Amino acid sequence: MDAKTQKSELTRTAIIGAAMDLALAEGLEAITLQAVANRLALSKSGVFSRVGSREALQKAVIEEYGRRFLADVFVPAMQKPKGLARLNDIVERWIARTRDVEAETGCIYTAGAFEFDDREGELRDLLFDEITRWRAALRRTVLQAVDAGELRADTDPAQVVSELNAIIIGLLHDARFLRDAQAGDRARQTWQRLLSSYRA
């Protein structure tokens, strides 16, 4: 990669990062090429030449958020054996990320779902796809724990995922809005109690 291309890639990364900061603070709809240009002291045309339209930038933010989320929560847990060890590691990482990252910055998955719950269009579709793909991965992990005989045979993976999501949304609410320093510990205790109800 030559120096010019490398600089362009670094600028594109900075643009997406600035747009993500804006989305986390004010919502995906707050992203505009001009607002991002102002944050980075670039021209609007300079932003456009690297990311394209406003909607393309919004999509890039959703995709980058998903990549970072999976890199923190899902990918490291793949080192654990299939079953309960992997599922528990994913949930512990998810709780830790929510407590340490999203409680400070906000969560595009959660806030975006509320922002786009009554809209149609490509942005909603992309966000929907990212979230449902994540939930499908969680369901597979639960099913692997059932197949390993570590969770009860009658465990409904979709139900477990729904309950897990409720724990995380509750954690985000308590940590971010109530500023409850114990929210992470409470979420972990709730998960362990939930897990005990499904153990084989």
N, C-alpha and C. Protein backbone atom coordinates (compact mmCIF):
# COMPACT_ATOMS: atom_id res chain seq x y z
N MET A 1 0.85 -1.20 0.00
CA MET A 1 0.00 0.00 0.00
C MET A 1 0.88 1.25 0.00
N ASP A 2 0.68 2.12 -0.99
CA ASP A 2 1.50 3.33 -1.04
C ASP A 2 1.03 4.33 0.01
N ALA A 3 1.85 5.36 0.21
CA ALA A 3 1.60 6.32 1.28
C ALA A 3 0.28 7.06 1.08
N LYS A 4 -0.04 7.39 -0.18
CA LYS A 4 -1.28 8.13 -0.46
C LYS A 4 -2.51 7.28 -0.12
N THR A 5 -2.45 6.01 -0.53
CA THR A 5 -3.57 5.10 -0.25
C THR A 5 -3.71 4.89 1.25
N GLN A 6 -2.57 4.73 1.93
CA GLN A 6 -2.60 4.52 3.38
C GLN A 6 -3.20 5.73 4.09
N LYS A 7 -2.83 6.92 3.64
CA LYS A 7 -3.36 8.14 4.26
C LYS A 7 -4.87 8.22 4.03
N SER A 8 -5.30 7.86 2.81
CA SER A 8 -6.74 7.88 2.50
C SER A 8 -7.50 6.91 3.38
N GLU A 9 -6.93 5.71 3.60
CA GLU A 9 -7.58 4.72 4.46
C GLU A 9 -7.65 5.20 5.91
N LEU A 10 -6.59 5.83 6.37
CA LEU A 10 -6.58 6.36 7.74
C LEU A 10 -7.62 7.47 7.89
N THR A 11 -7.75 8.30 6.86
CA THR A 11 -8.75 9.36 6.89
C THR A 11 -10.15 8.75 6.90
N ARG A 12 -10.38 7.72 6.10
CA ARG A 12 -11.69 7.06 6.07
C ARG A 12 -12.02 6.46 7.44
N THR A 13 -11.02 5.84 8.06
CA THR A 13 -11.21 5.27 9.40
C THR A 13 -11.58 6.36 10.40
N ALA A 14 -10.90 7.50 10.31
CA ALA A 14 -11.19 8.62 11.21
C ALA A 14 -12.60 9.16 10.97
N ILE A 15 -13.03 9.19 9.71
CA ILE A 15 -14.37 9.67 9.36
C ILE A 15 -15.43 8.76 9.98
N ILE A 16 -15.24 7.45 9.83
CA ILE A 16 -16.20 6.50 10.38
C ILE A 16 -16.21 6.59 11.91
N GLY A 17 -15.02 6.75 12.50
CA GLY A 17 -14.93 6.89 13.95
C GLY A 17 -15.66 8.14 14.46
N ALA A 18 -15.49 9.24 13.76
CA ALA A 18 -16.16 10.49 14.15
C ALA A 18 -17.67 10.36 13.98
N ALA A 19 -18.08 9.69 12.89
CA ALA A 19 -19.52 9.49 12.66
C ALA A 19 -20.11 8.58 13.72
N MET A 20 -19.34 7.59 14.16
CA MET A 20 -19.82 6.69 15.22
C MET A 20 -19.98 7.45 16.53
N ASP A 21 -19.02 8.29 16.84
CA ASP A 21 -19.12 9.10 18.06
C ASP A 21 -20.40 9.95 18.02
N LEU A 22 -20.68 10.51 16.86
CA LEU A 22 -21.88 11.32 16.69
C LEU A 22 -23.14 10.48 16.87
N ALA A 23 -23.15 9.29 16.27
CA ALA A 23 -24.31 8.40 16.37
C ALA A 23 -24.53 7.96 17.81
N LEU A 24 -23.46 7.65 18.52
CA LEU A 24 -23.59 7.21 19.91
C LEU A 24 -24.10 8.34 20.80
N ALA A 25 -23.71 9.56 20.48
CA ALA A 25 -24.14 10.70 21.29
C ALA A 25 -25.54 11.18 20.95
N GLU A 26 -25.88 11.14 19.64
CA GLU A 26 -27.12 11.80 19.22
C GLU A 26 -28.03 10.93 18.35
N GLY A 27 -27.58 9.74 17.98
CA GLY A 27 -28.40 8.88 17.14
C GLY A 27 -27.88 8.81 15.72
N LEU A 28 -28.24 7.75 15.02
CA LEU A 28 -27.77 7.55 13.64
C LEU A 28 -28.25 8.66 12.71
N GLU A 29 -29.43 9.20 12.97
CA GLU A 29 -29.96 10.25 12.11
C GLU A 29 -29.18 11.56 12.25
N ALA A 30 -28.40 11.68 13.33
CA ALA A 30 -27.60 12.90 13.53
C ALA A 30 -26.39 12.93 12.60
N ILE A 31 -26.05 11.78 12.02
CA ILE A 31 -24.89 11.73 11.12
C ILE A 31 -25.19 12.50 9.84
N THR A 32 -24.38 13.50 9.56
CA THR A 32 -24.39 14.17 8.26
C THR A 32 -22.94 14.34 7.82
N LEU A 33 -22.74 14.48 6.52
CA LEU A 33 -21.38 14.67 6.02
C LEU A 33 -20.77 15.95 6.58
N GLN A 34 -21.59 17.00 6.69
CA GLN A 34 -21.08 18.27 7.19
C GLN A 34 -20.71 18.19 8.67
N ALA A 35 -21.55 17.52 9.46
CA ALA A 35 -21.26 17.40 10.90
C ALA A 35 -19.96 16.64 11.13
N VAL A 36 -19.75 15.59 10.35
CA VAL A 36 -18.51 14.82 10.48
C VAL A 36 -17.32 15.63 9.98
N ALA A 37 -17.50 16.33 8.88
CA ALA A 37 -16.43 17.19 8.36
C ALA A 37 -16.01 18.22 9.40
N ASN A 38 -17.00 18.82 10.07
CA ASN A 38 -16.70 19.83 11.09
C ASN A 38 -15.90 19.24 12.23
N ARG A 39 -16.23 18.02 12.63
CA ARG A 39 -15.52 17.37 13.74
C ARG A 39 -14.05 17.12 13.41
N LEU A 40 -13.77 16.86 12.12
CA LEU A 40 -12.42 16.48 11.72
C LEU A 40 -11.68 17.59 10.98
N ALA A 41 -12.30 18.77 10.90
CA ALA A 41 -11.70 19.89 10.16
C ALA A 41 -11.38 19.49 8.72
N LEU A 42 -12.33 18.78 8.11
CA LEU A 42 -12.23 18.42 6.70
C LEU A 42 -13.31 19.16 5.93
N SER A 43 -13.20 19.15 4.61
CA SER A 43 -14.28 19.68 3.79
C SER A 43 -15.35 18.62 3.64
N LYS A 44 -16.58 19.06 3.39
CA LYS A 44 -17.67 18.12 3.15
C LYS A 44 -17.36 17.24 1.95
N SER A 45 -16.78 17.82 0.92
CA SER A 45 -16.43 17.05 -0.28
C SER A 45 -15.33 16.03 0.03
N GLY A 46 -14.44 16.37 0.97
CA GLY A 46 -13.39 15.44 1.38
C GLY A 46 -13.96 14.21 2.07
N VAL A 47 -15.02 14.42 2.87
CA VAL A 47 -15.71 13.31 3.52
C VAL A 47 -16.42 12.46 2.46
N PHE A 48 -17.13 13.15 1.55
CA PHE A 48 -17.89 12.44 0.52
C PHE A 48 -16.97 11.59 -0.36
N SER A 49 -15.81 12.11 -0.69
CA SER A 49 -14.91 11.39 -1.60
C SER A 49 -14.40 10.09 -0.99
N ARG A 50 -14.45 9.98 0.34
CA ARG A 50 -13.93 8.78 1.00
C ARG A 50 -15.02 7.81 1.43
N VAL A 51 -16.24 8.31 1.68
CA VAL A 51 -17.29 7.41 2.16
C VAL A 51 -18.55 7.42 1.30
N GLY A 52 -18.68 8.41 0.44
CA GLY A 52 -19.88 8.50 -0.37
C GLY A 52 -20.98 9.26 0.33
N SER A 53 -22.21 8.83 0.14
CA SER A 53 -23.37 9.55 0.63
C SER A 53 -23.52 9.46 2.15
N ARG A 54 -24.44 10.26 2.66
CA ARG A 54 -24.76 10.22 4.09
C ARG A 54 -25.21 8.82 4.49
N GLU A 55 -26.08 8.21 3.70
CA GLU A 55 -26.58 6.87 4.03
C GLU A 55 -25.46 5.84 3.99
N ALA A 56 -24.52 5.99 3.06
CA ALA A 56 -23.38 5.07 3.00
C ALA A 56 -22.54 5.19 4.27
N LEU A 57 -22.40 6.42 4.79
CA LEU A 57 -21.66 6.63 6.03
C LEU A 57 -22.40 6.04 7.21
N GLN A 58 -23.72 6.22 7.26
CA GLN A 58 -24.52 5.62 8.33
C GLN A 58 -24.38 4.09 8.32
N LYS A 59 -24.42 3.50 7.13
CA LYS A 59 -24.26 2.05 7.01
C LYS A 59 -22.87 1.61 7.46
N ALA A 60 -21.87 2.39 7.08
CA ALA A 60 -20.50 2.06 7.49
C ALA A 60 -20.36 2.08 9.01
N VAL A 61 -21.06 3.01 9.66
CA VAL A 61 -21.02 3.09 11.13
C VAL A 61 -21.66 1.85 11.74
N ILE A 62 -22.82 1.45 11.24
CA ILE A 62 -23.49 0.25 11.77
C ILE A 62 -22.59 -0.98 11.60
N GLU A 63 -21.98 -1.11 10.43
CA GLU A 63 -21.11 -2.26 10.16
C GLU A 63 -19.87 -2.24 11.05
N GLU A 64 -19.28 -1.07 11.24
CA GLU A 64 -18.08 -0.97 12.08
C GLU A 64 -18.42 -1.23 13.54
N TYR A 65 -19.57 -0.73 13.98
CA TYR A 65 -19.99 -1.01 15.36
C TYR A 65 -20.14 -2.52 15.55
N GLY A 66 -20.77 -3.18 14.60
CA GLY A 66 -20.94 -4.63 14.68
C GLY A 66 -19.61 -5.36 14.71
N ARG A 67 -18.65 -4.90 13.89
CA ARG A 67 -17.34 -5.53 13.87
C ARG A 67 -16.64 -5.40 15.23
N ARG A 68 -16.70 -4.20 15.81
CA ARG A 68 -16.07 -3.99 17.11
C ARG A 68 -16.75 -4.80 18.21
N PHE A 69 -18.08 -4.85 18.14
CA PHE A 69 -18.84 -5.60 19.13
C PHE A 69 -18.45 -7.08 19.10
N LEU A 70 -18.44 -7.67 17.91
CA LEU A 70 -18.10 -9.08 17.79
C LEU A 70 -16.65 -9.34 18.19
N ALA A 71 -15.76 -8.40 17.87
CA ALA A 71 -14.35 -8.56 18.22
C ALA A 71 -14.16 -8.58 19.74
N ASP A 72 -15.00 -7.85 20.46
CA ASP A 72 -14.90 -7.81 21.93
C ASP A 72 -15.64 -8.96 22.61
N VAL A 73 -16.79 -9.33 22.06
CA VAL A 73 -17.69 -10.23 22.78
C VAL A 73 -17.65 -11.66 22.26
N PHE A 74 -17.66 -11.83 20.95
CA PHE A 74 -17.86 -13.15 20.36
C PHE A 74 -16.56 -13.85 19.96
N VAL A 75 -15.71 -13.14 19.24
CA VAL A 75 -14.51 -13.77 18.68
C VAL A 75 -13.60 -14.37 19.76
N PRO A 76 -13.30 -13.67 20.86
CA PRO A 76 -12.42 -14.28 21.87
C PRO A 76 -13.02 -15.54 22.49
N ALA A 77 -14.35 -15.58 22.61
CA ALA A 77 -15.02 -16.73 23.23
C ALA A 77 -14.92 -17.99 22.36
N MET A 78 -14.59 -17.83 21.08
CA MET A 78 -14.46 -18.99 20.21
C MET A 78 -13.26 -19.85 20.60
N GLN A 79 -12.40 -19.32 21.46
CA GLN A 79 -11.27 -20.11 21.96
C GLN A 79 -11.73 -21.13 23.00
N LYS A 80 -12.91 -20.91 23.55
CA LYS A 80 -13.45 -21.83 24.56
C LYS A 80 -14.12 -23.01 23.85
N PRO A 81 -14.16 -24.17 24.51
CA PRO A 81 -14.85 -25.31 23.90
C PRO A 81 -16.34 -25.04 23.73
N LYS A 82 -16.94 -25.65 22.70
CA LYS A 82 -18.37 -25.50 22.48
C LYS A 82 -19.12 -25.95 23.72
N GLY A 83 -20.21 -25.24 24.00
CA GLY A 83 -21.03 -25.60 25.15
C GLY A 83 -21.09 -24.47 26.15
N LEU A 84 -21.27 -24.85 27.41
CA LEU A 84 -21.50 -23.87 28.46
C LEU A 84 -20.30 -22.95 28.69
N ALA A 85 -19.08 -23.47 28.53
CA ALA A 85 -17.89 -22.64 28.73
C ALA A 85 -17.90 -21.48 27.74
N ARG A 86 -18.25 -21.77 26.49
CA ARG A 86 -18.28 -20.73 25.47
C ARG A 86 -19.44 -19.76 25.71
N LEU A 87 -20.61 -20.30 26.01
CA LEU A 87 -21.77 -19.45 26.25
C LEU A 87 -21.52 -18.51 27.42
N ASN A 88 -20.99 -19.05 28.50
CA ASN A 88 -20.75 -18.23 29.68
C ASN A 88 -19.70 -17.15 29.40
N ASP A 89 -18.69 -17.49 28.60
CA ASP A 89 -17.65 -16.51 28.27
C ASP A 89 -18.24 -15.38 27.42
N ILE A 90 -19.09 -15.73 26.47
CA ILE A 90 -19.75 -14.70 25.66
C ILE A 90 -20.56 -13.76 26.54
N VAL A 91 -21.36 -14.33 27.43
CA VAL A 91 -22.22 -13.49 28.27
C VAL A 91 -21.39 -12.62 29.21
N GLU A 92 -20.35 -13.18 29.80
CA GLU A 92 -19.49 -12.39 30.69
C GLU A 92 -18.85 -11.23 29.93
N ARG A 93 -18.42 -11.50 28.70
CA ARG A 93 -17.80 -10.45 27.89
C ARG A 93 -18.84 -9.40 27.48
N TRP A 94 -20.05 -9.85 27.20
CA TRP A 94 -21.12 -8.94 26.81
C TRP A 94 -21.47 -8.03 27.98
N ILE A 95 -21.58 -8.60 29.16
CA ILE A 95 -21.87 -7.79 30.35
C ILE A 95 -20.74 -6.79 30.60
N ALA A 96 -19.49 -7.26 30.50
CA ALA A 96 -18.35 -6.38 30.74
C ALA A 96 -18.30 -5.24 29.73
N ARG A 97 -18.54 -5.56 28.46
CA ARG A 97 -18.53 -4.50 27.44
C ARG A 97 -19.65 -3.50 27.68
N THR A 98 -20.83 -3.99 28.02
CA THR A 98 -21.96 -3.09 28.27
C THR A 98 -21.65 -2.18 29.45
N ARG A 99 -21.08 -2.76 30.50
CA ARG A 99 -20.75 -1.98 31.70
C ARG A 99 -19.63 -0.97 31.44
N ASP A 100 -18.59 -1.39 30.69
CA ASP A 100 -17.38 -0.58 30.55
C ASP A 100 -17.38 0.33 29.32
N VAL A 101 -18.11 -0.06 28.28
CA VAL A 101 -18.10 0.70 27.03
C VAL A 101 -19.45 1.38 26.79
N GLU A 102 -20.49 0.57 26.57
CA GLU A 102 -21.79 1.15 26.21
C GLU A 102 -22.38 2.02 27.31
N ALA A 103 -22.10 1.71 28.56
CA ALA A 103 -22.61 2.55 29.66
C ALA A 103 -22.04 3.96 29.58
N GLU A 104 -20.87 4.08 28.97
CA GLU A 104 -20.24 5.40 28.81
C GLU A 104 -20.62 6.06 27.49
N THR A 105 -20.67 5.26 26.42
CA THR A 105 -20.83 5.85 25.09
C THR A 105 -22.24 5.72 24.52
N GLY A 106 -22.98 4.72 24.97
CA GLY A 106 -24.25 4.38 24.35
C GLY A 106 -24.09 3.15 23.48
N CYS A 107 -25.20 2.58 23.05
CA CYS A 107 -25.20 1.34 22.29
C CYS A 107 -26.00 1.53 21.00
N ILE A 108 -25.35 1.38 19.87
CA ILE A 108 -26.04 1.57 18.60
C ILE A 108 -27.09 0.50 18.38
N TYR A 109 -26.83 -0.73 18.83
CA TYR A 109 -27.83 -1.79 18.66
C TYR A 109 -29.12 -1.45 19.41
N THR A 110 -28.98 -1.03 20.65
CA THR A 110 -30.16 -0.73 21.47
C THR A 110 -30.80 0.60 21.08
N ALA A 111 -30.01 1.65 21.05
CA ALA A 111 -30.56 2.97 20.70
C ALA A 111 -31.07 2.97 19.27
N GLY A 112 -30.33 2.32 18.37
CA GLY A 112 -30.75 2.27 16.97
C GLY A 112 -32.06 1.53 16.79
N ALA A 113 -32.26 0.47 17.60
CA ALA A 113 -33.52 -0.28 17.51
C ALA A 113 -34.70 0.60 17.89
N PHE A 114 -34.54 1.43 18.90
CA PHE A 114 -35.61 2.35 19.28
C PHE A 114 -35.77 3.48 18.25
N GLU A 115 -34.64 3.91 17.70
CA GLU A 115 -34.67 5.01 16.73
C GLU A 115 -35.37 4.59 15.43
N PHE A 116 -35.19 3.33 15.04
CA PHE A 116 -35.72 2.87 13.76
C PHE A 116 -36.86 1.86 13.88
N ASP A 117 -37.42 1.72 15.08
CA ASP A 117 -38.45 0.68 15.26
C ASP A 117 -39.71 0.95 14.45
N ASP A 118 -39.99 2.21 14.14
CA ASP A 118 -41.21 2.51 13.41
C ASP A 118 -40.92 3.09 12.02
N ARG A 119 -39.74 2.78 11.50
CA ARG A 119 -39.37 3.26 10.16
C ARG A 119 -39.08 2.08 9.25
N GLU A 120 -39.11 2.34 7.96
CA GLU A 120 -38.70 1.35 6.97
C GLU A 120 -37.53 1.91 6.19
N GLY A 121 -36.79 1.05 5.54
CA GLY A 121 -35.69 1.51 4.70
C GLY A 121 -34.43 0.70 4.90
N GLU A 122 -33.41 1.04 4.13
CA GLU A 122 -32.18 0.25 4.11
C GLU A 122 -31.41 0.31 5.43
N LEU A 123 -31.45 1.45 6.10
CA LEU A 123 -30.73 1.55 7.38
C LEU A 123 -31.36 0.63 8.43
N ARG A 124 -32.68 0.65 8.50
CA ARG A 124 -33.36 -0.25 9.43
C ARG A 124 -33.06 -1.70 9.07
N ASP A 125 -33.09 -2.00 7.78
CA ASP A 125 -32.83 -3.38 7.33
C ASP A 125 -31.43 -3.83 7.72
N LEU A 126 -30.45 -2.95 7.55
CA LEU A 126 -29.07 -3.31 7.90
C LEU A 126 -28.93 -3.53 9.40
N LEU A 127 -29.50 -2.62 10.19
CA LEU A 127 -29.44 -2.76 11.64
C LEU A 127 -30.15 -4.04 12.08
N PHE A 128 -31.30 -4.30 11.48
CA PHE A 128 -32.05 -5.52 11.77
C PHE A 128 -31.21 -6.76 11.45
N ASP A 129 -30.55 -6.75 10.30
CA ASP A 129 -29.71 -7.90 9.90
C ASP A 129 -28.56 -8.11 10.87
N GLU A 130 -27.92 -7.02 11.29
CA GLU A 130 -26.78 -7.12 12.22
C GLU A 130 -27.24 -7.72 13.56
N ILE A 131 -28.36 -7.23 14.07
CA ILE A 131 -28.85 -7.70 15.37
C ILE A 131 -29.34 -9.14 15.29
N THR A 132 -30.08 -9.46 14.22
CA THR A 132 -30.59 -10.83 14.12
C THR A 132 -29.47 -11.83 13.85
N ARG A 133 -28.42 -11.41 13.16
CA ARG A 133 -27.27 -12.30 12.96
C ARG A 133 -26.58 -12.58 14.30
N TRP A 134 -26.46 -11.55 15.14
CA TRP A 134 -25.87 -11.71 16.46
C TRP A 134 -26.72 -12.66 17.31
N ARG A 135 -28.04 -12.47 17.28
CA ARG A 135 -28.93 -13.33 18.07
C ARG A 135 -28.90 -14.77 17.56
N ALA A 136 -28.76 -14.94 16.25
CA ALA A 136 -28.65 -16.30 15.70
C ALA A 136 -27.39 -16.98 16.19
N ALA A 137 -26.29 -16.24 16.27
CA ALA A 137 -25.04 -16.80 16.79
C ALA A 137 -25.19 -17.20 18.25
N LEU A 138 -25.90 -16.38 19.01
CA LEU A 138 -26.17 -16.71 20.42
C LEU A 138 -27.03 -17.97 20.53
N ARG A 139 -28.06 -18.06 19.69
CA ARG A 139 -28.93 -19.25 19.72
C ARG A 139 -28.13 -20.52 19.42
N ARG A 140 -27.24 -20.43 18.43
CA ARG A 140 -26.40 -21.60 18.10
C ARG A 140 -25.54 -22.00 19.30
N THR A 141 -25.02 -21.01 20.00
CA THR A 141 -24.17 -21.29 21.16
C THR A 141 -24.98 -21.96 22.27
N VAL A 142 -26.20 -21.49 22.49
CA VAL A 142 -27.09 -22.13 23.48
C VAL A 142 -27.38 -23.56 23.06
N LEU A 143 -27.69 -23.76 21.78
CA LEU A 143 -28.01 -25.09 21.27
C LEU A 143 -26.83 -26.04 21.42
N GLN A 144 -25.63 -25.54 21.24
CA GLN A 144 -24.44 -26.37 21.43
C GLN A 144 -24.32 -26.83 22.88
N ALA A 145 -24.70 -25.96 23.82
CA ALA A 145 -24.67 -26.34 25.23
C ALA A 145 -25.74 -27.38 25.53
N VAL A 146 -26.89 -27.29 24.84
CA VAL A 146 -27.93 -28.31 24.98
C VAL A 146 -27.43 -29.64 24.41
N ASP A 147 -26.85 -29.59 23.21
CA ASP A 147 -26.34 -30.80 22.56
C ASP A 147 -25.23 -31.46 23.38
N ALA A 148 -24.48 -30.65 24.12
CA ALA A 148 -23.40 -31.19 24.97
C ALA A 148 -23.94 -31.77 26.27
N GLY A 149 -25.26 -31.65 26.49
CA GLY A 149 -25.87 -32.17 27.72
C GLY A 149 -25.67 -31.30 28.93
N GLU A 150 -25.22 -30.06 28.70
CA GLU A 150 -24.95 -29.15 29.83
C GLU A 150 -26.18 -28.30 30.18
N LEU A 151 -27.06 -28.11 29.22
CA LEU A 151 -28.34 -27.45 29.47
C LEU A 151 -29.46 -28.46 29.22
N ARG A 152 -30.59 -28.27 29.86
CA ARG A 152 -31.70 -29.21 29.74
C ARG A 152 -32.12 -29.42 28.29
N ALA A 153 -32.54 -30.61 27.97
CA ALA A 153 -32.92 -30.95 26.60
C ALA A 153 -34.11 -30.13 26.12
N ASP A 154 -34.96 -29.68 27.04
CA ASP A 154 -36.14 -28.91 26.64
C ASP A 154 -35.88 -27.39 26.62
N THR A 155 -34.61 -27.00 26.72
CA THR A 155 -34.26 -25.58 26.69
C THR A 155 -34.61 -25.00 25.32
N ASP A 156 -35.29 -23.86 25.34
CA ASP A 156 -35.63 -23.15 24.10
C ASP A 156 -34.56 -22.07 23.88
N PRO A 157 -33.66 -22.27 22.90
CA PRO A 157 -32.59 -21.29 22.70
C PRO A 157 -33.09 -19.87 22.45
N ALA A 158 -34.20 -19.73 21.71
CA ALA A 158 -34.72 -18.39 21.44
C ALA A 158 -35.18 -17.70 22.73
N GLN A 159 -35.72 -18.49 23.66
CA GLN A 159 -36.15 -17.94 24.95
C GLN A 159 -34.94 -17.47 25.76
N VAL A 160 -33.89 -18.28 25.77
CA VAL A 160 -32.67 -17.90 26.50
C VAL A 160 -32.10 -16.61 25.94
N VAL A 161 -32.06 -16.50 24.62
CA VAL A 161 -31.52 -15.29 23.98
C VAL A 161 -32.38 -14.08 24.32
N SER A 162 -33.69 -14.24 24.32
CA SER A 162 -34.58 -13.14 24.69
C SER A 162 -34.34 -12.70 26.13
N GLU A 163 -34.18 -13.66 27.03
CA GLU A 163 -33.93 -13.33 28.43
C GLU A 163 -32.57 -12.67 28.61
N LEU A 164 -31.58 -13.13 27.86
CA LEU A 164 -30.25 -12.52 27.91
C LEU A 164 -30.31 -11.07 27.44
N ASN A 165 -31.02 -10.85 26.34
CA ASN A 165 -31.13 -9.50 25.81
C ASN A 165 -31.79 -8.58 26.84
N ALA A 166 -32.79 -9.10 27.55
CA ALA A 166 -33.46 -8.30 28.58
C ALA A 166 -32.48 -7.94 29.71
N ILE A 167 -31.61 -8.86 30.07
CA ILE A 167 -30.59 -8.58 31.10
C ILE A 167 -29.69 -7.43 30.64
N ILE A 168 -29.25 -7.50 29.39
CA ILE A 168 -28.33 -6.48 28.87
C ILE A 168 -29.00 -5.12 28.77
N ILE A 169 -30.24 -5.08 28.30
CA ILE A 169 -30.94 -3.79 28.21
C ILE A 169 -31.16 -3.22 29.61
N GLY A 170 -31.48 -4.08 30.57
CA GLY A 170 -31.62 -3.62 31.95
C GLY A 170 -30.31 -3.09 32.50
N LEU A 171 -29.22 -3.77 32.20
CA LEU A 171 -27.89 -3.32 32.63
C LEU A 171 -27.58 -1.96 32.03
N LEU A 172 -27.83 -1.82 30.73
CA LEU A 172 -27.54 -0.55 30.06
C LEU A 172 -28.35 0.60 30.67
N HIS A 173 -29.62 0.34 30.93
CA HIS A 173 -30.48 1.35 31.55
C HIS A 173 -29.95 1.76 32.92
N ASP A 174 -29.64 0.75 33.76
CA ASP A 174 -29.23 1.06 35.12
C ASP A 174 -27.85 1.70 35.18
N ALA A 175 -26.93 1.21 34.33
CA ALA A 175 -25.57 1.75 34.35
C ALA A 175 -25.51 3.14 33.71
N ARG A 176 -26.24 3.32 32.61
CA ARG A 176 -26.13 4.57 31.86
C ARG A 176 -27.07 5.66 32.39
N PHE A 177 -28.33 5.29 32.63
CA PHE A 177 -29.29 6.31 33.07
C PHE A 177 -29.28 6.49 34.58
N LEU A 178 -29.37 5.39 35.32
CA LEU A 178 -29.37 5.49 36.78
C LEU A 178 -27.97 5.69 37.36
N ARG A 179 -26.95 5.41 36.53
CA ARG A 179 -25.54 5.51 36.97
C ARG A 179 -25.28 4.64 38.20
N ASP A 180 -25.86 3.46 38.15
CA ASP A 180 -25.72 2.50 39.24
C ASP A 180 -24.41 1.75 39.07
N ALA A 181 -23.47 1.98 39.98
CA ALA A 181 -22.15 1.33 39.89
C ALA A 181 -22.23 -0.17 40.09
N GLN A 182 -23.33 -0.67 40.64
CA GLN A 182 -23.49 -2.10 40.89
C GLN A 182 -24.23 -2.81 39.75
N ALA A 183 -24.56 -2.08 38.69
CA ALA A 183 -25.39 -2.65 37.63
C ALA A 183 -24.75 -3.87 36.98
N GLY A 184 -23.45 -3.83 36.77
CA GLY A 184 -22.76 -4.97 36.16
C GLY A 184 -22.82 -6.21 37.05
N ASP A 185 -22.61 -6.02 38.35
CA ASP A 185 -22.68 -7.14 39.28
C ASP A 185 -24.09 -7.73 39.33
N ARG A 186 -25.08 -6.85 39.30
CA ARG A 186 -26.46 -7.33 39.34
C ARG A 186 -26.78 -8.13 38.07
N ALA A 187 -26.31 -7.65 36.93
CA ALA A 187 -26.54 -8.36 35.67
C ALA A 187 -25.88 -9.74 35.69
N ARG A 188 -24.68 -9.80 36.24
CA ARG A 188 -23.97 -11.08 36.33
C ARG A 188 -24.72 -12.05 37.24
N GLN A 189 -25.22 -11.56 38.36
CA GLN A 189 -25.98 -12.42 39.27
C GLN A 189 -27.27 -12.90 38.61
N THR A 190 -27.91 -12.02 37.86
CA THR A 190 -29.14 -12.40 37.16
C THR A 190 -28.84 -13.48 36.13
N TRP A 191 -27.74 -13.33 35.40
CA TRP A 191 -27.35 -14.34 34.42
C TRP A 191 -27.09 -15.69 35.09
N GLN A 192 -26.37 -15.69 36.20
CA GLN A 192 -26.06 -16.95 36.87
C GLN A 192 -27.33 -17.62 37.40
N ARG A 193 -28.27 -16.82 37.89
CA ARG A 193 -29.53 -17.39 38.35
C ARG A 193 -30.33 -17.96 37.17
N LEU A 194 -30.33 -17.23 36.06
CA LEU A 194 -31.00 -17.72 34.85
C LEU A 194 -30.35 -19.01 34.37
N LEU A 195 -29.03 -19.01 34.34
CA LEU A 195 -28.30 -20.19 33.87
C LEU A 195 -28.62 -21.41 34.73
N SER A 196 -28.69 -21.20 36.04
CA SER A 196 -28.97 -22.33 36.94
C SER A 196 -30.33 -22.95 36.67
N SER A 197 -31.25 -22.14 36.16
CA SER A 197 -32.61 -22.68 35.87
C SER A 197 -32.62 -23.53 34.61
N TYR A 198 -31.59 -23.41 33.78
CA TYR A 198 -31.53 -24.20 32.56
C TYR A 198 -30.52 -25.36 32.61
N ARG A 199 -29.72 -25.39 33.66
CA ARG A 199 -28.69 -26.44 33.71
C ARG A 199 -29.33 -27.84 33.72
N ALA A 200 -28.64 -28.76 33.04
CA ALA A 200 -29.13 -30.15 33.01
C ALA A 200 -28.97 -30.76 34.38
